[in-house]
Amino acid sequence: MKITDIKINLMEGPKTEDAKQFVGGASKVLLRIETDEGIFGIAEGGRNYNLFKAYLEETINPLLIGIDPRNPKMIWEMLTHGTGPGLATK
């Protein structure tokens, strides 16, 4: 099994004045990680869609496309190797 694509989507809540917003604001970035076997996973990212999208496309996708998602330790080490705090969190 290999990661074949990582898609990024912006999920926005209602923008009416009477809407209750969840903690952190009314928008979230969602990632959909797809594999060559049709299995996918969904993860939550940060709130800055444009920044997160650019970083994902330029930095993260090249590292993860083609990697076996069943080895989270290796993925974690790839994402945190040589980085400061904040790139990847547990």
Protein backbone atom coordinates (compact mmCIF):
# COMPACT_ATOMS: atom_id res chain seq x y z
CA MET A 1 0.00 0.00 0.00
CA LYS A 2 1.28 3.47 -0.90
CA ILE A 3 0.08 7.03 -0.46
CA THR A 4 -0.99 8.30 -3.89
CA ASP A 5 -2.49 11.71 -3.13
CA ILE A 6 -3.04 14.21 -0.36
CA LYS A 7 -5.93 16.59 -0.94
CA ILE A 8 -6.64 19.69 1.07
CA ASN A 9 -10.11 21.12 1.67
CA LEU A 10 -11.41 24.09 3.57
CA MET A 11 -14.41 23.40 5.81
CA GLU A 12 -16.27 26.55 6.76
CA GLY A 13 -19.07 26.89 9.26
CA PRO A 14 -22.06 29.20 8.91
CA LYS A 15 -21.32 32.89 8.75
CA THR A 16 -24.57 34.30 10.09
CA GLU A 17 -24.50 36.51 13.15
CA ASP A 18 -26.54 34.10 15.25
CA ALA A 19 -24.46 31.00 14.44
CA LYS A 20 -22.49 29.42 17.25
CA GLN A 21 -18.88 28.90 16.26
CA PHE A 22 -16.69 26.13 17.58
CA VAL A 23 -13.52 26.98 19.48
CA GLY A 24 -10.86 28.41 17.21
CA GLY A 25 -13.14 29.93 14.60
CA ALA A 26 -15.55 28.80 11.94
CA SER A 27 -13.12 27.29 9.45
CA LYS A 28 -10.80 24.28 9.49
CA VAL A 29 -8.45 22.71 6.98
CA LEU A 30 -9.11 19.02 6.30
CA LEU A 31 -6.69 16.66 4.59
CA ARG A 32 -7.72 13.53 2.72
CA ILE A 33 -4.84 11.08 2.35
CA GLU A 34 -5.50 8.49 -0.38
CA THR A 35 -3.79 5.18 -1.14
CA ASP A 36 -3.37 2.98 -4.19
CA GLU A 37 -5.73 0.44 -2.58
CA GLY A 38 -8.66 2.87 -2.32
CA ILE A 39 -8.25 3.35 1.42
CA PHE A 40 -8.20 6.92 2.68
CA GLY A 41 -7.73 8.78 5.92
CA ILE A 42 -8.84 12.22 7.01
CA ALA A 43 -6.82 14.58 9.19
CA GLU A 44 -7.32 18.09 10.49
CA GLY A 45 -4.77 20.76 9.70
CA GLY A 46 -4.35 24.37 10.70
CA ARG A 47 -6.73 27.24 10.06
CA ASN A 48 -4.74 29.20 7.47
CA TYR A 49 -5.87 27.44 4.28
CA ASN A 50 -3.65 29.25 1.77
CA LEU A 51 -0.48 28.89 3.83
CA PHE A 52 -1.22 25.27 4.70
CA LYS A 53 -2.04 24.41 1.06
CA ALA A 54 1.20 25.92 -0.24
CA TYR A 55 3.27 24.16 2.42
CA LEU A 56 1.54 20.85 1.77
CA GLU A 57 2.06 21.02 -1.99
CA GLU A 58 5.67 22.24 -1.86
CA THR A 59 7.04 20.34 1.13
CA ILE A 60 4.85 17.57 2.52
CA ASN A 61 3.45 15.94 -0.64
CA PRO A 62 6.90 15.25 -2.14
CA LEU A 63 7.92 13.51 1.10
CA LEU A 64 4.81 11.37 1.55
CA ILE A 65 3.65 10.40 -1.96
CA GLY A 66 4.75 6.80 -2.52
CA ILE A 67 5.29 6.05 1.19
CA ASP A 68 3.57 3.14 2.96
CA PRO A 69 1.09 4.72 5.44
CA ARG A 70 1.29 1.67 7.69
CA ASN A 71 4.65 2.85 9.03
CA PRO A 72 3.75 5.92 11.12
CA LYS A 73 7.10 5.93 12.95
CA MET A 74 9.00 6.39 9.68
CA ILE A 75 6.56 9.10 8.53
CA TRP A 76 6.88 10.90 11.86
CA GLU A 77 10.67 10.83 11.61
CA MET A 78 10.57 12.15 8.03
CA LEU A 79 8.30 15.04 9.00
CA THR A 80 10.28 16.03 12.08
CA HIS A 81 13.85 15.43 10.88
CA GLY A 82 15.76 18.70 10.79
CA THR A 83 12.78 20.86 11.67
CA GLY A 84 12.05 23.17 14.53
CA PRO A 85 8.99 22.88 16.73
CA GLY A 86 5.59 23.12 15.13
CA LEU A 87 5.99 21.29 11.80
CA ALA A 88 4.42 18.09 13.03
CA THR A 89 2.82 17.46 16.40
CA LYS A 90 1.57 14.40 18.20
